[in-house]
Amino acid sequence: MTPAHPPSSDPWPERPAPLEEACAAGPRDMAALLLFALSRRIGGDRRPVLVTAPRVWFAEHGRPYGPGAAGVPLILAPTTTAAEALWTLEQALRSGAVALALGAVDGASLAQTRRLDFAAKQGEAVGLVLPRQLDGLSAARRRWRISTFESATDPDDPRAPGPARLVAELVRGRGERPGAWMLEQDDETHRLRLADRLAGDGLAAIGHAGAPSGLAA
């Protein structure tokens, strides 16, 4: 299935806002979501990245693999409830001790996300809420839906897969038009960049080439 929004001709908004939200398009897209989420750290900021979520979330999805985070220290903060995870996310952002704080919480209210946005600005950090669904009102400047996409062929070995790819669909952006971008992981920096041949048949091929996971709206 194709994304709800067509490939965007606008520049990829690589620099994150103080507060954003992102969800996986389907259960098999969680790895792509975490790759996208970790990439929202501002380049050059060497402060740690904090990941907080209820323990049941870590039990369901597993723990991020620290050595795979390109040398950036990871702080995992499991909690008992979603309310505790929300509090942990806010305190981490406000502290100024982290570059990026990810919180897998559902049902955050508009007032709570406003507090997160203020805390992120106060701590000069980036906050990313990872709900299961993008519903309700939120103070997040951008809301993303993330899907996996088949990798390109390795340029040095046609039998081997190339860099990991995903589709980042901007569902809502304050002052920005919705759209979708195909991104791939840079082997050297481990960060995301625009994939080659994004324009034209890149995303248009989704639904015809048989992407490995659903890209439903």
N, C-alpha and C. Protein backbone atom coordinates (compact mmCIF):
# COMPACT_ATOMS: atom_id res chain seq x y z
N MET A 1 0.83 -1.18 0.00
CA MET A 1 0.00 0.00 0.00
C MET A 1 0.87 1.24 0.00
N THR A 2 0.42 2.30 -0.64
CA THR A 2 1.21 3.51 -0.74
C THR A 2 1.00 4.38 0.49
N PRO A 3 1.99 5.27 0.79
CA PRO A 3 1.81 6.19 1.90
C PRO A 3 0.62 7.10 1.65
N ALA A 4 0.07 7.68 2.73
CA ALA A 4 -1.06 8.58 2.58
C ALA A 4 -0.64 9.86 1.86
N HIS A 5 0.65 10.21 1.97
CA HIS A 5 1.14 11.43 1.33
C HIS A 5 2.16 11.06 0.27
N PRO A 6 2.18 11.77 -0.86
CA PRO A 6 3.10 11.45 -1.95
C PRO A 6 4.52 11.87 -1.61
N PRO A 7 5.50 11.41 -2.41
CA PRO A 7 6.89 11.85 -2.22
C PRO A 7 6.96 13.37 -2.22
N SER A 8 7.69 13.93 -1.28
CA SER A 8 7.75 15.38 -1.14
C SER A 8 8.89 15.96 -1.96
N SER A 9 8.62 17.11 -2.55
CA SER A 9 9.67 17.85 -3.25
C SER A 9 10.34 18.86 -2.32
N ASP A 10 9.82 18.98 -1.10
CA ASP A 10 10.42 19.88 -0.13
C ASP A 10 11.70 19.29 0.43
N PRO A 11 12.60 20.13 0.94
CA PRO A 11 13.83 19.61 1.56
C PRO A 11 13.51 18.72 2.75
N TRP A 12 14.33 17.71 2.95
CA TRP A 12 14.16 16.82 4.09
C TRP A 12 14.44 17.60 5.37
N PRO A 13 13.50 17.69 6.31
CA PRO A 13 13.71 18.44 7.55
C PRO A 13 14.62 17.68 8.51
N GLU A 14 15.89 17.67 8.18
CA GLU A 14 16.85 16.86 8.93
C GLU A 14 17.01 17.34 10.37
N ARG A 15 17.01 18.66 10.55
CA ARG A 15 17.17 19.18 11.91
C ARG A 15 15.86 19.01 12.66
N PRO A 16 15.89 18.31 13.80
CA PRO A 16 14.64 18.04 14.52
C PRO A 16 14.12 19.27 15.25
N ALA A 17 12.83 19.26 15.52
CA ALA A 17 12.22 20.25 16.39
C ALA A 17 12.44 19.82 17.84
N PRO A 18 12.23 20.74 18.81
CA PRO A 18 12.41 20.34 20.21
C PRO A 18 11.55 19.15 20.61
N LEU A 19 10.33 19.06 20.07
CA LEU A 19 9.47 17.94 20.39
C LEU A 19 8.80 17.42 19.12
N GLU A 20 8.94 16.13 18.87
CA GLU A 20 8.30 15.47 17.75
C GLU A 20 7.65 14.18 18.23
N GLU A 21 6.79 13.61 17.39
CA GLU A 21 6.19 12.31 17.66
C GLU A 21 6.41 11.42 16.45
N ALA A 22 6.56 10.13 16.69
CA ALA A 22 6.73 9.17 15.59
C ALA A 22 6.15 7.84 16.01
N CYS A 23 5.48 7.18 15.07
CA CYS A 23 4.96 5.84 15.35
C CYS A 23 5.34 4.92 14.21
N ALA A 24 5.33 3.62 14.47
CA ALA A 24 5.59 2.62 13.45
C ALA A 24 4.30 2.36 12.67
N ALA A 25 4.42 2.20 11.35
CA ALA A 25 3.25 1.93 10.53
C ALA A 25 2.64 0.58 10.85
N GLY A 26 3.47 -0.38 11.28
CA GLY A 26 3.00 -1.71 11.63
C GLY A 26 3.96 -2.37 12.58
N PRO A 27 3.62 -3.53 13.12
CA PRO A 27 4.50 -4.21 14.08
C PRO A 27 5.90 -4.48 13.56
N ARG A 28 6.03 -4.78 12.26
CA ARG A 28 7.34 -5.12 11.71
C ARG A 28 8.20 -3.88 11.44
N ASP A 29 7.65 -2.70 11.69
CA ASP A 29 8.39 -1.46 11.40
C ASP A 29 9.05 -0.87 12.65
N MET A 30 9.03 -1.59 13.76
CA MET A 30 9.58 -1.04 15.00
C MET A 30 11.08 -0.78 14.89
N ALA A 31 11.83 -1.67 14.24
CA ALA A 31 13.27 -1.44 14.09
C ALA A 31 13.53 -0.17 13.29
N ALA A 32 12.74 0.04 12.24
CA ALA A 32 12.89 1.26 11.45
C ALA A 32 12.54 2.49 12.27
N LEU A 33 11.53 2.37 13.12
CA LEU A 33 11.15 3.49 13.98
C LEU A 33 12.28 3.85 14.93
N LEU A 34 12.93 2.84 15.54
CA LEU A 34 14.02 3.14 16.46
C LEU A 34 15.23 3.72 15.72
N LEU A 35 15.49 3.25 14.51
CA LEU A 35 16.57 3.84 13.71
C LEU A 35 16.28 5.30 13.44
N PHE A 36 15.04 5.60 13.04
CA PHE A 36 14.65 6.98 12.79
C PHE A 36 14.77 7.81 14.07
N ALA A 37 14.25 7.26 15.17
CA ALA A 37 14.24 8.00 16.43
C ALA A 37 15.66 8.36 16.89
N LEU A 38 16.58 7.40 16.84
CA LEU A 38 17.95 7.66 17.28
C LEU A 38 18.64 8.67 16.37
N SER A 39 18.19 8.75 15.12
CA SER A 39 18.82 9.69 14.19
C SER A 39 18.38 11.13 14.42
N ARG A 40 17.38 11.36 15.26
CA ARG A 40 16.90 12.73 15.49
C ARG A 40 17.81 13.49 16.45
N ARG A 41 18.82 12.87 16.95
CA ARG A 41 19.83 13.59 17.74
C ARG A 41 20.56 14.57 16.83
N ILE A 42 20.74 15.79 17.30
CA ILE A 42 21.43 16.81 16.50
C ILE A 42 22.89 16.40 16.34
N GLY A 43 23.37 16.43 15.10
CA GLY A 43 24.74 16.02 14.81
C GLY A 43 25.76 16.81 15.61
N GLY A 44 26.74 16.11 16.16
CA GLY A 44 27.80 16.75 16.92
C GLY A 44 27.53 16.84 18.41
N ASP A 45 26.28 16.59 18.81
CA ASP A 45 25.94 16.62 20.24
C ASP A 45 26.28 15.27 20.84
N ARG A 46 27.28 15.23 21.71
CA ARG A 46 27.78 13.97 22.25
C ARG A 46 27.16 13.60 23.60
N ARG A 47 26.16 14.34 24.02
CA ARG A 47 25.49 13.95 25.25
C ARG A 47 24.75 12.62 25.03
N PRO A 48 24.48 11.89 26.10
CA PRO A 48 23.82 10.58 25.95
C PRO A 48 22.41 10.70 25.40
N VAL A 49 21.90 9.56 25.00
CA VAL A 49 20.51 9.42 24.55
C VAL A 49 19.78 8.57 25.59
N LEU A 50 18.63 9.06 26.03
CA LEU A 50 17.84 8.32 27.01
C LEU A 50 16.62 7.70 26.33
N VAL A 51 16.35 6.46 26.68
CA VAL A 51 15.15 5.76 26.20
C VAL A 51 14.37 5.30 27.42
N THR A 52 13.14 5.79 27.54
CA THR A 52 12.31 5.38 28.67
C THR A 52 10.98 4.83 28.16
N ALA A 53 10.49 3.82 28.84
CA ALA A 53 9.24 3.16 28.47
C ALA A 53 8.85 2.23 29.60
N PRO A 54 7.57 1.88 29.69
CA PRO A 54 7.18 0.85 30.66
C PRO A 54 7.91 -0.47 30.38
N ARG A 55 8.15 -1.24 31.40
CA ARG A 55 8.88 -2.50 31.25
C ARG A 55 8.21 -3.44 30.25
N VAL A 56 6.88 -3.39 30.18
CA VAL A 56 6.19 -4.26 29.23
C VAL A 56 6.55 -3.91 27.80
N TRP A 57 6.86 -2.63 27.54
CA TRP A 57 7.26 -2.22 26.19
C TRP A 57 8.61 -2.83 25.85
N PHE A 58 9.56 -2.76 26.79
CA PHE A 58 10.87 -3.36 26.54
C PHE A 58 10.75 -4.87 26.38
N ALA A 59 9.84 -5.49 27.14
CA ALA A 59 9.65 -6.93 27.01
C ALA A 59 9.10 -7.31 25.64
N GLU A 60 8.26 -6.46 25.09
CA GLU A 60 7.64 -6.74 23.80
C GLU A 60 8.57 -6.46 22.63
N HIS A 61 9.32 -5.36 22.72
CA HIS A 61 10.12 -4.91 21.57
C HIS A 61 11.62 -5.12 21.75
N GLY A 62 12.06 -5.46 22.94
CA GLY A 62 13.49 -5.62 23.18
C GLY A 62 14.16 -4.31 23.53
N ARG A 63 15.41 -4.41 23.94
CA ARG A 63 16.18 -3.23 24.32
C ARG A 63 17.08 -2.80 23.16
N PRO A 64 17.19 -1.48 22.92
CA PRO A 64 18.12 -1.01 21.88
C PRO A 64 19.53 -1.51 22.17
N TYR A 65 20.25 -1.86 21.11
CA TYR A 65 21.59 -2.41 21.22
C TYR A 65 22.60 -1.27 21.25
N GLY A 66 23.22 -1.04 22.41
CA GLY A 66 24.12 0.08 22.59
C GLY A 66 25.24 0.20 21.57
N PRO A 67 26.01 -0.89 21.29
CA PRO A 67 27.10 -0.78 20.31
C PRO A 67 26.62 -0.40 18.91
N GLY A 68 25.34 -0.57 18.62
CA GLY A 68 24.83 -0.19 17.31
C GLY A 68 24.44 1.26 17.20
N ALA A 69 24.67 2.03 18.27
CA ALA A 69 24.26 3.43 18.29
C ALA A 69 25.41 4.37 17.93
N ALA A 70 26.37 3.87 17.16
CA ALA A 70 27.47 4.69 16.63
C ALA A 70 28.25 5.41 17.73
N GLY A 71 28.48 4.71 18.85
CA GLY A 71 29.32 5.28 19.89
C GLY A 71 28.62 6.27 20.80
N VAL A 72 27.33 6.51 20.60
CA VAL A 72 26.59 7.44 21.45
C VAL A 72 26.10 6.67 22.69
N PRO A 73 26.42 7.11 23.89
CA PRO A 73 25.98 6.38 25.09
C PRO A 73 24.45 6.34 25.19
N LEU A 74 23.92 5.17 25.51
CA LEU A 74 22.49 5.00 25.68
C LEU A 74 22.17 4.80 27.16
N ILE A 75 21.15 5.48 27.63
CA ILE A 75 20.65 5.31 28.99
C ILE A 75 19.25 4.72 28.88
N LEU A 76 19.05 3.51 29.38
CA LEU A 76 17.74 2.88 29.35
C LEU A 76 17.09 3.06 30.71
N ALA A 77 15.85 3.53 30.70
CA ALA A 77 15.14 3.82 31.95
C ALA A 77 13.77 3.15 31.93
N PRO A 78 13.71 1.84 32.20
CA PRO A 78 12.41 1.17 32.28
C PRO A 78 11.61 1.69 33.48
N THR A 79 10.30 1.78 33.30
CA THR A 79 9.43 2.23 34.38
C THR A 79 8.30 1.22 34.57
N THR A 80 7.55 1.41 35.62
CA THR A 80 6.42 0.51 35.88
C THR A 80 5.19 0.92 35.09
N THR A 81 4.96 2.22 34.97
CA THR A 81 3.76 2.72 34.30
C THR A 81 4.12 3.75 33.23
N ALA A 82 3.15 4.03 32.35
CA ALA A 82 3.34 5.06 31.34
C ALA A 82 3.49 6.44 31.97
N ALA A 83 2.78 6.69 33.08
CA ALA A 83 2.89 7.97 33.77
C ALA A 83 4.31 8.20 34.27
N GLU A 84 4.94 7.15 34.79
CA GLU A 84 6.33 7.26 35.25
C GLU A 84 7.27 7.52 34.08
N ALA A 85 7.01 6.87 32.94
CA ALA A 85 7.84 7.09 31.76
C ALA A 85 7.71 8.53 31.27
N LEU A 86 6.50 9.08 31.31
CA LEU A 86 6.28 10.46 30.90
C LEU A 86 7.03 11.41 31.82
N TRP A 87 6.98 11.15 33.13
CA TRP A 87 7.70 11.98 34.09
C TRP A 87 9.21 11.88 33.85
N THR A 88 9.71 10.68 33.61
CA THR A 88 11.14 10.48 33.36
C THR A 88 11.58 11.23 32.11
N LEU A 89 10.75 11.17 31.06
CA LEU A 89 11.06 11.87 29.82
C LEU A 89 11.17 13.37 30.06
N GLU A 90 10.22 13.92 30.78
CA GLU A 90 10.23 15.37 31.05
C GLU A 90 11.45 15.78 31.86
N GLN A 91 11.76 15.01 32.91
CA GLN A 91 12.90 15.37 33.76
C GLN A 91 14.22 15.26 33.00
N ALA A 92 14.35 14.25 32.15
CA ALA A 92 15.58 14.09 31.38
C ALA A 92 15.77 15.26 30.42
N LEU A 93 14.70 15.66 29.75
CA LEU A 93 14.79 16.78 28.81
C LEU A 93 15.16 18.07 29.53
N ARG A 94 14.53 18.31 30.67
CA ARG A 94 14.77 19.55 31.40
C ARG A 94 16.18 19.61 31.99
N SER A 95 16.76 18.46 32.29
CA SER A 95 18.05 18.43 32.98
C SER A 95 19.20 18.98 32.15
N GLY A 96 19.08 18.91 30.84
CA GLY A 96 20.20 19.31 29.99
C GLY A 96 21.29 18.28 29.90
N ALA A 97 21.09 17.10 30.49
CA ALA A 97 22.12 16.07 30.52
C ALA A 97 22.09 15.15 29.31
N VAL A 98 21.03 15.22 28.49
CA VAL A 98 20.91 14.33 27.34
C VAL A 98 20.73 15.15 26.07
N ALA A 99 21.18 14.58 24.97
CA ALA A 99 20.97 15.22 23.67
C ALA A 99 19.59 14.91 23.12
N LEU A 100 19.13 13.69 23.41
CA LEU A 100 17.87 13.18 22.87
C LEU A 100 17.23 12.29 23.91
N ALA A 101 15.92 12.43 24.09
CA ALA A 101 15.19 11.58 25.01
C ALA A 101 13.99 11.00 24.29
N LEU A 102 13.88 9.67 24.28
CA LEU A 102 12.79 8.98 23.62
C LEU A 102 11.87 8.40 24.69
N GLY A 103 10.58 8.59 24.50
CA GLY A 103 9.62 8.06 25.46
C GLY A 103 8.51 7.31 24.77
N ALA A 104 8.42 6.01 25.00
CA ALA A 104 7.36 5.19 24.41
C ALA A 104 6.15 5.24 25.34
N VAL A 105 5.33 6.25 25.14
CA VAL A 105 4.14 6.45 25.98
C VAL A 105 2.94 6.73 25.10
N ASP A 106 1.79 6.27 25.54
CA ASP A 106 0.54 6.50 24.82
C ASP A 106 -0.35 7.45 25.62
N GLY A 107 -1.19 8.17 24.90
CA GLY A 107 -2.22 8.95 25.55
C GLY A 107 -1.77 10.22 26.23
N ALA A 108 -0.60 10.76 25.86
CA ALA A 108 -0.16 12.02 26.47
C ALA A 108 -1.12 13.13 26.04
N SER A 109 -1.52 13.96 26.99
CA SER A 109 -2.46 15.04 26.72
C SER A 109 -1.75 16.23 26.10
N LEU A 110 -2.54 17.18 25.61
CA LEU A 110 -1.97 18.40 25.05
C LEU A 110 -1.15 19.13 26.10
N ALA A 111 -1.67 19.23 27.31
CA ALA A 111 -0.94 19.91 28.38
C ALA A 111 0.38 19.20 28.69
N GLN A 112 0.37 17.88 28.69
CA GLN A 112 1.60 17.13 28.99
C GLN A 112 2.63 17.30 27.88
N THR A 113 2.20 17.31 26.63
CA THR A 113 3.17 17.51 25.54
C THR A 113 3.69 18.94 25.52
N ARG A 114 2.89 19.88 25.96
CA ARG A 114 3.39 21.26 26.08
C ARG A 114 4.49 21.32 27.13
N ARG A 115 4.34 20.59 28.21
CA ARG A 115 5.38 20.54 29.23
C ARG A 115 6.65 19.91 28.67
N LEU A 116 6.48 18.86 27.86
CA LEU A 116 7.65 18.23 27.24
C LEU A 116 8.35 19.18 26.29
N ASP A 117 7.59 19.92 25.51
CA ASP A 117 8.17 20.88 24.56
C ASP A 117 8.95 21.95 25.31
N PHE A 118 8.38 22.45 26.39
CA PHE A 118 9.06 23.47 27.20
C PHE A 118 10.32 22.89 27.83
N ALA A 119 10.24 21.66 28.35
CA ALA A 119 11.39 21.03 28.97
C ALA A 119 12.52 20.82 27.97
N ALA A 120 12.18 20.41 26.74
CA ALA A 120 13.21 20.20 25.71
C ALA A 120 13.91 21.52 25.36
N LYS A 121 13.15 22.58 25.27
CA LYS A 121 13.76 23.89 24.98
C LYS A 121 14.63 24.34 26.14
N GLN A 122 14.17 24.09 27.35
CA GLN A 122 14.93 24.49 28.53
C GLN A 122 16.26 23.73 28.61
N GLY A 123 16.23 22.44 28.30
CA GLY A 123 17.44 21.63 28.37
C GLY A 123 18.24 21.60 27.08
N GLU A 124 17.81 22.34 26.05
CA GLU A 124 18.47 22.36 24.74
C GLU A 124 18.66 20.94 24.23
N ALA A 125 17.58 20.17 24.31
CA ALA A 125 17.59 18.78 23.89
C ALA A 125 16.47 18.55 22.89
N VAL A 126 16.38 17.32 22.40
CA VAL A 126 15.32 16.91 21.48
C VAL A 126 14.50 15.83 22.16
N GLY A 127 13.20 15.99 22.17
CA GLY A 127 12.31 14.99 22.73
C GLY A 127 11.50 14.33 21.64
N LEU A 128 11.37 13.02 21.71
CA LEU A 128 10.59 12.28 20.72
C LEU A 128 9.68 11.31 21.45
N VAL A 129 8.38 11.52 21.29
CA VAL A 129 7.39 10.63 21.88
C VAL A 129 7.06 9.54 20.86
N LEU A 130 7.01 8.30 21.33
CA LEU A 130 6.78 7.16 20.44
C LEU A 130 5.47 6.46 20.82
N PRO A 131 4.33 7.02 20.43
CA PRO A 131 3.06 6.38 20.73
C PRO A 131 2.75 5.27 19.73
N ARG A 132 1.77 4.45 20.06
CA ARG A 132 1.35 3.42 19.11
C ARG A 132 0.57 4.02 17.95
N GLN A 133 -0.19 5.07 18.21
CA GLN A 133 -0.99 5.74 17.20
C GLN A 133 -0.81 7.24 17.33
N LEU A 134 -0.94 7.94 16.20
CA LEU A 134 -0.86 9.40 16.21
C LEU A 134 -2.28 9.94 16.29
N ASP A 135 -2.81 10.02 17.50
CA ASP A 135 -4.16 10.53 17.66
C ASP A 135 -4.20 11.54 18.80
N GLY A 136 -5.28 12.29 18.88
CA GLY A 136 -5.39 13.31 19.90
C GLY A 136 -4.58 14.55 19.57
N LEU A 137 -4.71 15.56 20.42
CA LEU A 137 -3.99 16.82 20.24
C LEU A 137 -2.60 16.71 20.85
N SER A 138 -1.64 17.40 20.24
CA SER A 138 -0.26 17.33 20.72
C SER A 138 0.45 18.64 20.40
N ALA A 139 1.38 19.01 21.28
CA ALA A 139 2.20 20.19 21.04
C ALA A 139 3.42 19.87 20.19
N ALA A 140 3.61 18.61 19.80
CA ALA A 140 4.74 18.25 18.95
C ALA A 140 4.67 19.00 17.63
N ARG A 141 5.80 19.54 17.20
CA ARG A 141 5.79 20.29 15.94
C ARG A 141 5.59 19.37 14.74
N ARG A 142 6.16 18.16 14.82
CA ARG A 142 6.03 17.22 13.70
C ARG A 142 5.53 15.88 14.21
N ARG A 143 4.73 15.23 13.37
CA ARG A 143 4.26 13.87 13.65
C ARG A 143 4.62 13.00 12.46
N TRP A 144 5.32 11.89 12.74
CA TRP A 144 5.86 11.02 11.70
C TRP A 144 5.24 9.63 11.77
N ARG A 145 5.09 9.00 10.61
CA ARG A 145 4.78 7.57 10.53
C ARG A 145 5.93 6.91 9.78
N ILE A 146 6.54 5.90 10.38
CA ILE A 146 7.77 5.30 9.86
C ILE A 146 7.51 3.88 9.36
N SER A 147 8.02 3.58 8.17
CA SER A 147 7.86 2.26 7.56
C SER A 147 9.20 1.76 7.04
N THR A 148 9.40 0.47 7.11
CA THR A 148 10.59 -0.13 6.50
C THR A 148 10.44 -0.16 4.99
N PHE A 149 11.57 -0.22 4.30
CA PHE A 149 11.57 -0.32 2.85
C PHE A 149 12.76 -1.18 2.45
N GLU A 150 12.61 -1.91 1.36
CA GLU A 150 13.69 -2.81 0.93
C GLU A 150 14.95 -2.02 0.59
N SER A 151 16.09 -2.55 0.98
CA SER A 151 17.35 -1.86 0.73
C SER A 151 17.72 -1.93 -0.74
N ALA A 152 18.57 -1.00 -1.14
CA ALA A 152 19.10 -1.03 -2.50
C ALA A 152 20.18 -2.10 -2.60
N THR A 153 20.61 -2.40 -3.81
CA THR A 153 21.68 -3.37 -4.01
C THR A 153 23.02 -2.76 -3.63
N ASP A 154 23.86 -3.53 -3.00
CA ASP A 154 25.20 -3.06 -2.67
C ASP A 154 25.94 -2.75 -3.97
N PRO A 155 26.53 -1.54 -4.10
CA PRO A 155 27.21 -1.18 -5.35
C PRO A 155 28.42 -2.05 -5.67
N ASP A 156 29.01 -2.68 -4.62
CA ASP A 156 30.19 -3.50 -4.82
C ASP A 156 29.88 -4.99 -4.96
N ASP A 157 28.66 -5.37 -4.61
CA ASP A 157 28.27 -6.79 -4.68
C ASP A 157 26.78 -6.87 -4.97
N PRO A 158 26.38 -7.13 -6.20
CA PRO A 158 24.95 -7.15 -6.54
C PRO A 158 24.16 -8.22 -5.81
N ARG A 159 24.84 -9.18 -5.18
CA ARG A 159 24.14 -10.23 -4.43
C ARG A 159 23.89 -9.84 -2.98
N ALA A 160 24.46 -8.72 -2.54
CA ALA A 160 24.37 -8.31 -1.14
C ALA A 160 23.43 -7.10 -1.00
N PRO A 161 22.78 -6.99 0.15
CA PRO A 161 21.92 -5.82 0.37
C PRO A 161 22.74 -4.57 0.63
N GLY A 162 22.21 -3.44 0.26
CA GLY A 162 22.86 -2.17 0.53
C GLY A 162 22.43 -1.60 1.88
N PRO A 163 22.56 -0.28 2.06
CA PRO A 163 22.20 0.33 3.34
C PRO A 163 20.72 0.13 3.68
N ALA A 164 20.45 0.09 4.98
CA ALA A 164 19.06 -0.02 5.43
C ALA A 164 18.29 1.21 5.00
N ARG A 165 17.02 0.99 4.60
CA ARG A 165 16.18 2.09 4.14
C ARG A 165 14.86 2.11 4.91
N LEU A 166 14.29 3.30 4.98
CA LEU A 166 12.96 3.45 5.56
C LEU A 166 12.26 4.62 4.88
N VAL A 167 10.97 4.69 5.08
CA VAL A 167 10.17 5.80 4.58
C VAL A 167 9.65 6.58 5.78
N ALA A 168 9.97 7.87 5.82
CA ALA A 168 9.50 8.77 6.87
C ALA A 168 8.38 9.62 6.29
N GLU A 169 7.18 9.40 6.78
CA GLU A 169 6.01 10.13 6.30
C GLU A 169 5.63 11.20 7.31
N LEU A 170 5.70 12.45 6.90
CA LEU A 170 5.30 13.56 7.76
C LEU A 170 3.78 13.68 7.70
N VAL A 171 3.13 13.23 8.75
CA VAL A 171 1.67 13.26 8.80
C VAL A 171 1.17 14.66 9.10
N ARG A 172 1.87 15.34 10.01
CA ARG A 172 1.51 16.71 10.35
C ARG A 172 2.76 17.47 10.72
N GLY A 173 2.89 18.68 10.18
CA GLY A 173 4.00 19.54 10.53
C GLY A 173 3.51 20.97 10.68
N ARG A 174 3.87 21.59 11.76
CA ARG A 174 3.44 22.96 12.00
C ARG A 174 4.13 23.89 11.01
N GLY A 175 3.37 24.45 10.08
CA GLY A 175 3.93 25.32 9.06
C GLY A 175 4.63 24.57 7.94
N GLU A 176 4.48 23.24 7.88
CA GLU A 176 5.12 22.42 6.86
C GLU A 176 4.07 21.55 6.17
N ARG A 177 4.32 21.25 4.92
CA ARG A 177 3.39 20.42 4.16
C ARG A 177 3.65 18.94 4.43
N PRO A 178 2.60 18.14 4.56
CA PRO A 178 2.80 16.69 4.69
C PRO A 178 3.50 16.14 3.46
N GLY A 179 4.21 15.07 3.64
CA GLY A 179 4.93 14.43 2.54
C GLY A 179 5.67 13.21 3.04
N ALA A 180 6.44 12.59 2.17
CA ALA A 180 7.18 11.38 2.53
C ALA A 180 8.57 11.44 1.90
N TRP A 181 9.54 10.92 2.64
CA TRP A 181 10.93 10.88 2.18
C TRP A 181 11.48 9.47 2.37
N MET A 182 12.23 8.99 1.40
CA MET A 182 12.93 7.72 1.54
C MET A 182 14.33 8.02 2.08
N LEU A 183 14.68 7.39 3.20
CA LEU A 183 15.95 7.62 3.85
C LEU A 183 16.74 6.33 3.94
N GLU A 184 18.06 6.46 3.96
CA GLU A 184 18.92 5.30 4.13
C GLU A 184 20.00 5.61 5.14
N GLN A 185 20.53 4.57 5.76
CA GLN A 185 21.55 4.74 6.79
C GLN A 185 22.93 4.86 6.16
N ASP A 186 23.64 5.90 6.55
CA ASP A 186 25.01 6.11 6.09
C ASP A 186 25.93 5.14 6.83
N ASP A 187 26.74 4.39 6.09
CA ASP A 187 27.60 3.37 6.70
C ASP A 187 28.67 3.97 7.60
N GLU A 188 29.10 5.20 7.31
CA GLU A 188 30.18 5.81 8.08
C GLU A 188 29.66 6.53 9.32
N THR A 189 28.63 7.33 9.16
CA THR A 189 28.12 8.12 10.28
C THR A 189 27.00 7.40 11.03
N HIS A 190 26.40 6.37 10.42
CA HIS A 190 25.27 5.63 10.97
C HIS A 190 24.02 6.51 11.12
N ARG A 191 24.04 7.68 10.50
CA ARG A 191 22.88 8.55 10.51
C ARG A 191 22.08 8.36 9.23
N LEU A 192 20.89 8.95 9.18
CA LEU A 192 20.04 8.82 8.01
C LEU A 192 20.30 9.96 7.03
N ARG A 193 20.19 9.63 5.75
CA ARG A 193 20.34 10.61 4.69
C ARG A 193 19.29 10.29 3.63
N LEU A 194 19.04 11.25 2.75
CA LEU A 194 18.12 11.00 1.65
C LEU A 194 18.68 9.89 0.76
N ALA A 195 17.84 8.94 0.43
CA ALA A 195 18.28 7.86 -0.46
C ALA A 195 18.38 8.37 -1.88
N ASP A 196 19.25 7.76 -2.68
CA ASP A 196 19.37 8.10 -4.09
C ASP A 196 18.07 7.79 -4.81
N ARG A 197 17.80 8.56 -5.85
CA ARG A 197 16.62 8.35 -6.69
C ARG A 197 15.32 8.49 -5.90
N LEU A 198 15.35 9.41 -4.93
CA LEU A 198 14.12 9.66 -4.18
C LEU A 198 13.03 10.18 -5.11
N ALA A 199 13.40 11.11 -5.96
CA ALA A 199 12.42 11.68 -6.88
C ALA A 199 12.06 10.66 -7.95
N GLY A 200 10.92 10.83 -8.53
CA GLY A 200 10.52 9.95 -9.62
C GLY A 200 9.92 8.67 -9.10
N ASP A 201 10.54 7.53 -9.41
CA ASP A 201 9.89 6.26 -9.12
C ASP A 201 10.24 5.70 -7.75
N GLY A 202 10.95 6.44 -6.90
CA GLY A 202 11.34 5.91 -5.60
C GLY A 202 10.17 5.44 -4.77
N LEU A 203 9.37 6.39 -4.27
CA LEU A 203 8.23 6.01 -3.45
C LEU A 203 7.06 5.56 -4.29
N ALA A 204 7.02 5.99 -5.54
CA ALA A 204 5.92 5.56 -6.40
C ALA A 204 5.92 4.06 -6.61
N ALA A 205 7.11 3.46 -6.44
CA ALA A 205 7.21 2.01 -6.64
C ALA A 205 6.63 1.22 -5.48
N ILE A 206 6.41 1.88 -4.34
CA ILE A 206 5.84 1.19 -3.19
C ILE A 206 4.45 0.69 -3.57
N GLY A 207 4.18 -0.53 -3.21
CA GLY A 207 2.89 -1.12 -3.55
C GLY A 207 2.96 -1.93 -4.82
N HIS A 208 3.96 -1.65 -5.65
CA HIS A 208 4.16 -2.41 -6.88
C HIS A 208 5.37 -3.33 -6.76
N ALA A 209 6.38 -2.83 -5.99
CA ALA A 209 7.60 -3.63 -5.85
C ALA A 209 7.52 -4.58 -4.67
N GLY A 210 6.48 -4.39 -3.83
CA GLY A 210 6.32 -5.33 -2.71
C GLY A 210 7.25 -5.01 -1.57
N ALA A 211 7.02 -3.88 -0.88
CA ALA A 211 7.81 -3.52 0.27
C ALA A 211 7.63 -4.56 1.36
N PRO A 212 8.63 -4.76 2.23
CA PRO A 212 8.57 -5.82 3.22
C PRO A 212 7.55 -5.60 4.30
N SER A 213 7.04 -4.37 4.47
CA SER A 213 6.02 -4.18 5.49
C SER A 213 5.03 -3.14 5.01
N GLY A 214 3.85 -3.09 5.66
CA GLY A 214 2.79 -2.24 5.19
C GLY A 214 3.10 -0.78 5.34
N LEU A 215 2.61 0.01 4.42
CA LEU A 215 2.78 1.46 4.46
C LEU A 215 1.41 2.11 4.49
N ALA A 216 0.51 1.52 5.20
CA ALA A 216 -0.84 2.04 5.25
C ALA A 216 -0.87 3.33 6.02
N ALA A 217 -1.86 4.15 5.71
CA ALA A 217 -2.02 5.41 6.43
C ALA A 217 -2.49 5.12 7.85
